[in-house]
Amino acid sequence: MASQPGLATYALPPIISRLLRRWPDGTVRFITRSSPTVRDLGRIEAFDIGFAEHPIESPASVIETIEVPCVCMLPADHPLAAESVITPAHLDDAPFISLYADHFLHEAIERAFAGIRRGCAWSFMSSSSAPLARWSWKASA
């Protein structure tokens, strides 16, 4: 099994644990790589099941698309945490964490935030690294 870091870090470990409880004699070899690497490994059939972000172009594979929502993460005591919906305008000049420029969502995020100032923009190669920025902000406050 191969997966990009976001799913490998948060979503897949409990699923794998349930599978191994159900089939105690089973084994799982699990590797975590970037989505482009997972796609490349899939082309050479290096794993049975893989999870990667779009675009996936592999005619020899069975591909099922799952949707994972984009979210705005805030500390519980942040003034915007009480809002039921947070728009880009709410985040004008707020510290901002995003994915790297080559990520497939980057252009959509840039369009959504057109005209909005972003303070201290952080860019991460993996969504699983983004929570680290919160600790950096707390330490520098």
N, C-alpha and C. Protein backbone atom coordinates (compact mmCIF):
# COMPACT_ATOMS: atom_id res chain seq x y z
N MET A 1 0.86 -1.16 0.00
CA MET A 1 0.00 0.00 0.00
C MET A 1 0.90 1.22 0.00
N ALA A 2 0.52 2.21 -0.79
CA ALA A 2 1.27 3.47 -0.84
C ALA A 2 0.29 4.62 -0.71
N SER A 3 0.75 5.69 -0.08
CA SER A 3 -0.14 6.83 0.13
C SER A 3 0.66 8.12 0.21
N GLN A 4 -0.01 9.20 -0.17
CA GLN A 4 0.56 10.53 0.05
C GLN A 4 0.50 10.82 1.55
N PRO A 5 1.35 11.73 2.04
CA PRO A 5 1.49 11.91 3.50
C PRO A 5 0.23 12.29 4.27
N GLY A 6 -0.63 13.13 3.73
CA GLY A 6 -1.81 13.56 4.49
C GLY A 6 -2.68 12.39 4.91
N LEU A 7 -3.03 11.53 3.97
CA LEU A 7 -3.84 10.35 4.31
C LEU A 7 -3.04 9.35 5.15
N ALA A 8 -1.75 9.21 4.83
CA ALA A 8 -0.91 8.25 5.56
C ALA A 8 -0.78 8.62 7.03
N THR A 9 -0.80 9.89 7.31
CA THR A 9 -0.61 10.35 8.69
C THR A 9 -1.87 10.25 9.53
N TYR A 10 -3.01 10.60 8.93
CA TYR A 10 -4.23 10.73 9.72
C TYR A 10 -5.31 9.70 9.43
N ALA A 11 -5.61 9.45 8.18
CA ALA A 11 -6.78 8.64 7.84
C ALA A 11 -6.51 7.15 7.76
N LEU A 12 -5.40 6.76 7.19
CA LEU A 12 -5.19 5.33 6.91
C LEU A 12 -4.76 4.47 8.10
N PRO A 13 -3.98 4.96 9.06
CA PRO A 13 -3.59 4.08 10.18
C PRO A 13 -4.76 3.40 10.90
N PRO A 14 -5.86 4.11 11.25
CA PRO A 14 -6.96 3.40 11.91
C PRO A 14 -7.65 2.39 10.99
N ILE A 15 -7.69 2.68 9.70
CA ILE A 15 -8.29 1.73 8.75
C ILE A 15 -7.44 0.48 8.66
N ILE A 16 -6.13 0.66 8.57
CA ILE A 16 -5.22 -0.49 8.51
C ILE A 16 -5.33 -1.31 9.80
N SER A 17 -5.42 -0.64 10.94
CA SER A 17 -5.55 -1.35 12.22
C SER A 17 -6.81 -2.22 12.24
N ARG A 18 -7.93 -1.66 11.75
CA ARG A 18 -9.17 -2.45 11.71
C ARG A 18 -9.02 -3.65 10.77
N LEU A 19 -8.39 -3.47 9.63
CA LEU A 19 -8.18 -4.59 8.71
C LEU A 19 -7.35 -5.69 9.34
N LEU A 20 -6.29 -5.30 10.04
CA LEU A 20 -5.42 -6.31 10.66
C LEU A 20 -6.09 -7.00 11.85
N ARG A 21 -7.00 -6.29 12.53
CA ARG A 21 -7.77 -6.98 13.59
C ARG A 21 -8.72 -8.00 12.98
N ARG A 22 -9.28 -7.65 11.83
CA ARG A 22 -10.21 -8.56 11.15
C ARG A 22 -9.48 -9.76 10.54
N TRP A 23 -8.27 -9.52 10.01
CA TRP A 23 -7.46 -10.59 9.42
C TRP A 23 -6.10 -10.61 10.12
N PRO A 24 -6.03 -11.21 11.31
CA PRO A 24 -4.82 -11.15 12.13
C PRO A 24 -3.59 -11.80 11.48
N ASP A 25 -3.78 -12.68 10.53
CA ASP A 25 -2.62 -13.29 9.86
C ASP A 25 -2.18 -12.48 8.65
N GLY A 26 -2.85 -11.38 8.37
CA GLY A 26 -2.51 -10.54 7.22
C GLY A 26 -1.31 -9.66 7.51
N THR A 27 -0.72 -9.15 6.48
CA THR A 27 0.38 -8.20 6.63
C THR A 27 0.14 -7.01 5.69
N VAL A 28 0.64 -5.89 6.10
CA VAL A 28 0.54 -4.68 5.29
C VAL A 28 1.92 -4.06 5.20
N ARG A 29 2.37 -3.85 3.98
CA ARG A 29 3.59 -3.07 3.74
C ARG A 29 3.10 -1.70 3.30
N PHE A 30 3.45 -0.69 4.06
CA PHE A 30 2.88 0.64 3.86
C PHE A 30 4.00 1.64 3.64
N ILE A 31 3.98 2.32 2.49
CA ILE A 31 4.98 3.34 2.23
C ILE A 31 4.29 4.70 2.04
N THR A 32 4.96 5.74 2.48
CA THR A 32 4.45 7.09 2.35
C THR A 32 5.37 7.86 1.42
N ARG A 33 4.78 8.39 0.37
CA ARG A 33 5.52 9.18 -0.61
C ARG A 33 4.63 10.30 -1.11
N SER A 34 5.21 11.25 -1.81
CA SER A 34 4.43 12.32 -2.42
C SER A 34 3.48 11.74 -3.46
N SER A 35 2.42 12.45 -3.76
CA SER A 35 1.47 11.96 -4.77
C SER A 35 2.14 11.68 -6.11
N PRO A 36 3.03 12.56 -6.62
CA PRO A 36 3.69 12.22 -7.89
C PRO A 36 4.48 10.90 -7.82
N THR A 37 5.13 10.65 -6.67
CA THR A 37 5.88 9.40 -6.53
C THR A 37 4.93 8.21 -6.44
N VAL A 38 3.82 8.35 -5.71
CA VAL A 38 2.84 7.26 -5.64
C VAL A 38 2.32 6.95 -7.05
N ARG A 39 2.04 8.00 -7.83
CA ARG A 39 1.58 7.77 -9.21
C ARG A 39 2.63 7.03 -10.03
N ASP A 40 3.90 7.45 -9.90
CA ASP A 40 4.98 6.78 -10.64
C ASP A 40 5.12 5.33 -10.23
N LEU A 41 5.05 5.06 -8.93
CA LEU A 41 5.16 3.68 -8.44
C LEU A 41 3.96 2.84 -8.90
N GLY A 42 2.81 3.46 -8.99
CA GLY A 42 1.63 2.76 -9.48
C GLY A 42 1.79 2.30 -10.92
N ARG A 43 2.43 3.12 -11.73
CA ARG A 43 2.65 2.76 -13.14
C ARG A 43 3.49 1.51 -13.29
N ILE A 44 4.39 1.26 -12.32
CA ILE A 44 5.23 0.05 -12.40
C ILE A 44 4.72 -1.06 -11.47
N GLU A 45 3.49 -0.89 -10.97
CA GLU A 45 2.82 -1.87 -10.13
C GLU A 45 3.64 -2.24 -8.88
N ALA A 46 4.15 -1.20 -8.21
CA ALA A 46 4.96 -1.41 -7.01
C ALA A 46 4.12 -1.66 -5.77
N PHE A 47 2.79 -1.54 -5.87
CA PHE A 47 1.90 -1.78 -4.73
C PHE A 47 0.55 -2.23 -5.27
N ASP A 48 -0.27 -2.76 -4.37
CA ASP A 48 -1.62 -3.21 -4.76
C ASP A 48 -2.65 -2.10 -4.65
N ILE A 49 -2.52 -1.27 -3.64
CA ILE A 49 -3.48 -0.18 -3.40
C ILE A 49 -2.68 1.10 -3.17
N GLY A 50 -3.11 2.17 -3.83
CA GLY A 50 -2.42 3.44 -3.66
C GLY A 50 -3.40 4.59 -3.50
N PHE A 51 -2.97 5.60 -2.79
CA PHE A 51 -3.77 6.82 -2.57
C PHE A 51 -2.90 8.00 -2.97
N ALA A 52 -3.37 8.74 -3.99
CA ALA A 52 -2.63 9.91 -4.47
C ALA A 52 -3.61 10.98 -4.91
N GLU A 53 -3.13 12.18 -4.95
CA GLU A 53 -3.95 13.30 -5.42
C GLU A 53 -3.90 13.35 -6.94
N HIS A 54 -4.88 14.02 -7.52
CA HIS A 54 -4.95 14.19 -8.97
C HIS A 54 -3.74 14.95 -9.48
N PRO A 55 -3.40 14.87 -10.74
CA PRO A 55 -4.04 14.06 -11.79
C PRO A 55 -3.48 12.65 -11.80
N ILE A 56 -4.35 11.70 -12.05
CA ILE A 56 -3.94 10.30 -12.16
C ILE A 56 -4.32 9.82 -13.54
N GLU A 57 -3.32 9.45 -14.31
CA GLU A 57 -3.55 8.97 -15.67
C GLU A 57 -2.87 7.61 -15.80
N SER A 58 -3.61 6.57 -15.57
CA SER A 58 -3.06 5.23 -15.65
C SER A 58 -4.12 4.29 -16.20
N PRO A 59 -4.07 4.01 -17.51
CA PRO A 59 -5.11 3.17 -18.11
C PRO A 59 -5.13 1.75 -17.58
N ALA A 60 -4.04 1.29 -16.97
CA ALA A 60 -3.99 -0.09 -16.48
C ALA A 60 -4.53 -0.22 -15.07
N SER A 61 -4.94 0.88 -14.46
CA SER A 61 -5.38 0.85 -13.08
C SER A 61 -6.89 1.07 -12.97
N VAL A 62 -7.44 0.54 -11.89
CA VAL A 62 -8.82 0.86 -11.53
C VAL A 62 -8.72 2.04 -10.57
N ILE A 63 -9.34 3.15 -10.94
CA ILE A 63 -9.23 4.36 -10.14
C ILE A 63 -10.60 4.75 -9.61
N GLU A 64 -10.66 4.93 -8.30
CA GLU A 64 -11.88 5.42 -7.66
C GLU A 64 -11.54 6.75 -7.00
N THR A 65 -12.29 7.75 -7.31
CA THR A 65 -12.04 9.08 -6.77
C THR A 65 -12.81 9.26 -5.47
N ILE A 66 -12.11 9.79 -4.46
CA ILE A 66 -12.76 10.16 -3.21
C ILE A 66 -12.56 11.66 -3.02
N GLU A 67 -13.52 12.31 -2.43
CA GLU A 67 -13.41 13.74 -2.18
C GLU A 67 -13.07 13.97 -0.71
N VAL A 68 -12.13 14.85 -0.52
CA VAL A 68 -11.74 15.26 0.82
C VAL A 68 -11.89 16.77 0.86
N PRO A 69 -12.68 17.29 1.79
CA PRO A 69 -12.93 18.74 1.80
C PRO A 69 -11.69 19.55 2.19
N CYS A 70 -11.61 20.74 1.65
CA CYS A 70 -10.61 21.70 2.11
C CYS A 70 -11.20 22.38 3.34
N VAL A 71 -10.37 22.63 4.31
CA VAL A 71 -10.88 23.22 5.55
C VAL A 71 -10.04 24.40 5.97
N CYS A 72 -10.61 25.22 6.81
CA CYS A 72 -9.92 26.32 7.45
C CYS A 72 -9.69 25.89 8.89
N MET A 73 -8.44 25.74 9.28
CA MET A 73 -8.13 25.32 10.65
C MET A 73 -7.73 26.53 11.48
N LEU A 74 -8.38 26.65 12.62
CA LEU A 74 -8.12 27.77 13.53
C LEU A 74 -8.00 27.24 14.96
N PRO A 75 -7.23 27.91 15.79
CA PRO A 75 -7.25 27.55 17.22
C PRO A 75 -8.67 27.74 17.77
N ALA A 76 -9.05 26.96 18.73
CA ALA A 76 -10.41 27.02 19.30
C ALA A 76 -10.74 28.39 19.86
N ASP A 77 -9.74 29.12 20.34
CA ASP A 77 -10.00 30.43 20.92
C ASP A 77 -9.88 31.58 19.91
N HIS A 78 -9.72 31.27 18.63
CA HIS A 78 -9.62 32.30 17.60
C HIS A 78 -10.98 32.98 17.42
N PRO A 79 -11.04 34.30 17.23
CA PRO A 79 -12.34 34.99 17.07
C PRO A 79 -13.20 34.42 15.93
N LEU A 80 -12.60 33.91 14.87
CA LEU A 80 -13.38 33.36 13.76
C LEU A 80 -13.92 31.96 14.04
N ALA A 81 -13.46 31.32 15.09
CA ALA A 81 -13.92 29.96 15.41
C ALA A 81 -15.42 29.91 15.68
N ALA A 82 -16.01 31.01 16.05
CA ALA A 82 -17.45 31.05 16.33
C ALA A 82 -18.29 31.19 15.06
N GLU A 83 -17.66 31.50 13.94
CA GLU A 83 -18.38 31.67 12.68
C GLU A 83 -18.81 30.31 12.13
N SER A 84 -20.02 30.23 11.58
CA SER A 84 -20.47 28.97 10.98
C SER A 84 -19.87 28.78 9.59
N VAL A 85 -19.56 29.87 8.90
CA VAL A 85 -18.92 29.83 7.59
C VAL A 85 -17.81 30.87 7.59
N ILE A 86 -16.66 30.49 7.10
CA ILE A 86 -15.53 31.41 7.01
C ILE A 86 -15.21 31.59 5.53
N THR A 87 -15.21 32.83 5.08
CA THR A 87 -14.92 33.14 3.68
C THR A 87 -13.51 33.70 3.56
N PRO A 88 -12.96 33.77 2.36
CA PRO A 88 -11.65 34.39 2.19
C PRO A 88 -11.60 35.82 2.76
N ALA A 89 -12.69 36.57 2.64
CA ALA A 89 -12.70 37.94 3.17
C ALA A 89 -12.48 37.97 4.68
N HIS A 90 -12.95 36.96 5.40
CA HIS A 90 -12.71 36.88 6.84
C HIS A 90 -11.21 36.80 7.15
N LEU A 91 -10.47 36.24 6.22
CA LEU A 91 -9.05 35.97 6.46
C LEU A 91 -8.13 37.04 5.92
N ASP A 92 -8.71 38.20 5.55
CA ASP A 92 -7.91 39.30 5.02
C ASP A 92 -6.80 39.65 6.01
N ASP A 93 -5.58 39.57 5.54
CA ASP A 93 -4.37 39.90 6.30
C ASP A 93 -4.07 38.94 7.45
N ALA A 94 -4.73 37.80 7.48
CA ALA A 94 -4.46 36.80 8.54
C ALA A 94 -3.28 35.91 8.12
N PRO A 95 -2.54 35.38 9.09
CA PRO A 95 -1.50 34.39 8.74
C PRO A 95 -2.13 33.24 7.97
N PHE A 96 -1.44 32.77 6.96
CA PHE A 96 -2.05 31.83 6.03
C PHE A 96 -1.09 30.69 5.74
N ILE A 97 -1.61 29.46 5.80
CA ILE A 97 -0.84 28.27 5.46
C ILE A 97 -1.49 27.65 4.23
N SER A 98 -0.69 27.36 3.25
CA SER A 98 -1.23 26.77 2.02
C SER A 98 -0.30 25.66 1.55
N LEU A 99 -0.73 24.97 0.51
CA LEU A 99 0.12 23.96 -0.10
C LEU A 99 1.01 24.61 -1.15
N TYR A 100 2.06 23.95 -1.53
CA TYR A 100 3.07 24.46 -2.45
C TYR A 100 2.48 24.80 -3.82
N ALA A 101 3.18 25.65 -4.57
CA ALA A 101 2.67 26.19 -5.83
C ALA A 101 2.38 25.13 -6.88
N ASP A 102 3.06 23.99 -6.87
CA ASP A 102 2.80 22.94 -7.86
C ASP A 102 1.65 22.02 -7.48
N HIS A 103 1.07 22.21 -6.30
CA HIS A 103 -0.04 21.36 -5.87
C HIS A 103 -1.27 21.66 -6.73
N PHE A 104 -2.05 20.63 -7.04
CA PHE A 104 -3.18 20.82 -7.94
C PHE A 104 -4.24 21.79 -7.40
N LEU A 105 -4.30 22.03 -6.12
CA LEU A 105 -5.27 22.97 -5.55
C LEU A 105 -4.77 24.41 -5.51
N HIS A 106 -3.50 24.61 -5.77
CA HIS A 106 -2.91 25.94 -5.61
C HIS A 106 -3.65 27.00 -6.43
N GLU A 107 -3.91 26.74 -7.69
CA GLU A 107 -4.58 27.74 -8.53
C GLU A 107 -5.99 28.07 -8.01
N ALA A 108 -6.72 27.05 -7.55
CA ALA A 108 -8.06 27.30 -7.01
C ALA A 108 -7.98 28.15 -5.75
N ILE A 109 -7.01 27.90 -4.91
CA ILE A 109 -6.84 28.69 -3.69
C ILE A 109 -6.47 30.13 -4.06
N GLU A 110 -5.59 30.30 -5.04
CA GLU A 110 -5.21 31.64 -5.47
C GLU A 110 -6.41 32.41 -6.01
N ARG A 111 -7.26 31.74 -6.80
CA ARG A 111 -8.46 32.40 -7.32
C ARG A 111 -9.41 32.79 -6.18
N ALA A 112 -9.60 31.89 -5.21
CA ALA A 112 -10.51 32.17 -4.09
C ALA A 112 -10.02 33.36 -3.26
N PHE A 113 -8.71 33.54 -3.20
CA PHE A 113 -8.14 34.61 -2.38
C PHE A 113 -7.71 35.82 -3.19
N ALA A 114 -8.14 35.92 -4.45
CA ALA A 114 -7.78 37.08 -5.27
C ALA A 114 -8.26 38.36 -4.58
N GLY A 115 -7.36 39.30 -4.42
CA GLY A 115 -7.71 40.56 -3.79
C GLY A 115 -7.65 40.54 -2.27
N ILE A 116 -7.37 39.41 -1.68
CA ILE A 116 -7.29 39.29 -0.22
C ILE A 116 -5.81 39.30 0.18
N ARG A 117 -5.47 40.13 1.15
CA ARG A 117 -4.09 40.14 1.66
C ARG A 117 -3.90 38.94 2.58
N ARG A 118 -2.78 38.30 2.44
CA ARG A 118 -2.46 37.19 3.34
C ARG A 118 -1.20 37.54 4.11
N GLY A 119 -1.30 37.50 5.42
CA GLY A 119 -0.13 37.74 6.24
C GLY A 119 0.74 36.49 6.29
N CYS A 120 1.99 36.64 6.54
CA CYS A 120 2.94 35.55 6.76
C CYS A 120 2.51 34.24 6.09
N ALA A 121 2.55 34.21 4.79
CA ALA A 121 2.10 33.01 4.06
C ALA A 121 3.13 31.90 4.19
N TRP A 122 2.69 30.77 4.68
CA TRP A 122 3.52 29.57 4.77
C TRP A 122 3.11 28.65 3.65
N SER A 123 4.06 27.92 3.11
CA SER A 123 3.76 26.97 2.05
C SER A 123 4.40 25.63 2.41
N PHE A 124 3.60 24.56 2.37
CA PHE A 124 4.09 23.25 2.75
C PHE A 124 3.97 22.25 1.62
N MET A 125 4.89 21.33 1.55
CA MET A 125 4.84 20.27 0.54
C MET A 125 3.78 19.23 0.87
N SER A 126 3.37 19.16 2.11
CA SER A 126 2.40 18.16 2.54
C SER A 126 1.43 18.77 3.54
N SER A 127 0.17 18.42 3.41
CA SER A 127 -0.82 18.91 4.37
C SER A 127 -0.55 18.40 5.77
N SER A 128 0.16 17.28 5.88
CA SER A 128 0.44 16.74 7.21
C SER A 128 1.46 17.59 7.96
N SER A 129 2.20 18.45 7.28
CA SER A 129 3.18 19.32 7.92
C SER A 129 2.60 20.64 8.38
N ALA A 130 1.47 21.04 7.83
CA ALA A 130 0.90 22.36 8.12
C ALA A 130 0.68 22.63 9.61
N PRO A 131 0.21 21.66 10.42
CA PRO A 131 0.01 21.97 11.85
C PRO A 131 1.29 22.41 12.56
N LEU A 132 2.46 22.11 12.01
CA LEU A 132 3.71 22.53 12.64
C LEU A 132 3.83 24.04 12.71
N ALA A 133 3.24 24.74 11.75
CA ALA A 133 3.32 26.20 11.74
C ALA A 133 2.66 26.80 12.97
N ARG A 134 1.60 26.18 13.45
CA ARG A 134 0.91 26.69 14.64
C ARG A 134 1.87 26.76 15.82
N TRP A 135 2.71 25.73 15.98
CA TRP A 135 3.65 25.74 17.09
C TRP A 135 4.70 26.83 16.89
N SER A 136 5.11 27.08 15.67
CA SER A 136 6.07 28.14 15.41
C SER A 136 5.49 29.49 15.77
N TRP A 137 4.22 29.73 15.40
CA TRP A 137 3.58 31.00 15.73
C TRP A 137 3.47 31.16 17.24
N LYS A 138 3.10 30.10 17.95
CA LYS A 138 2.95 30.18 19.40
C LYS A 138 4.30 30.50 20.03
N ALA A 139 5.37 29.86 19.52
CA ALA A 139 6.69 30.07 20.09
C ALA A 139 7.21 31.48 19.84
N SER A 140 6.81 32.09 18.71
CA SER A 140 7.31 33.43 18.40
C SER A 140 6.41 34.53 18.95
N ALA A 141 5.26 34.16 19.51
CA ALA A 141 4.32 35.18 20.02
C ALA A 141 4.78 35.74 21.36
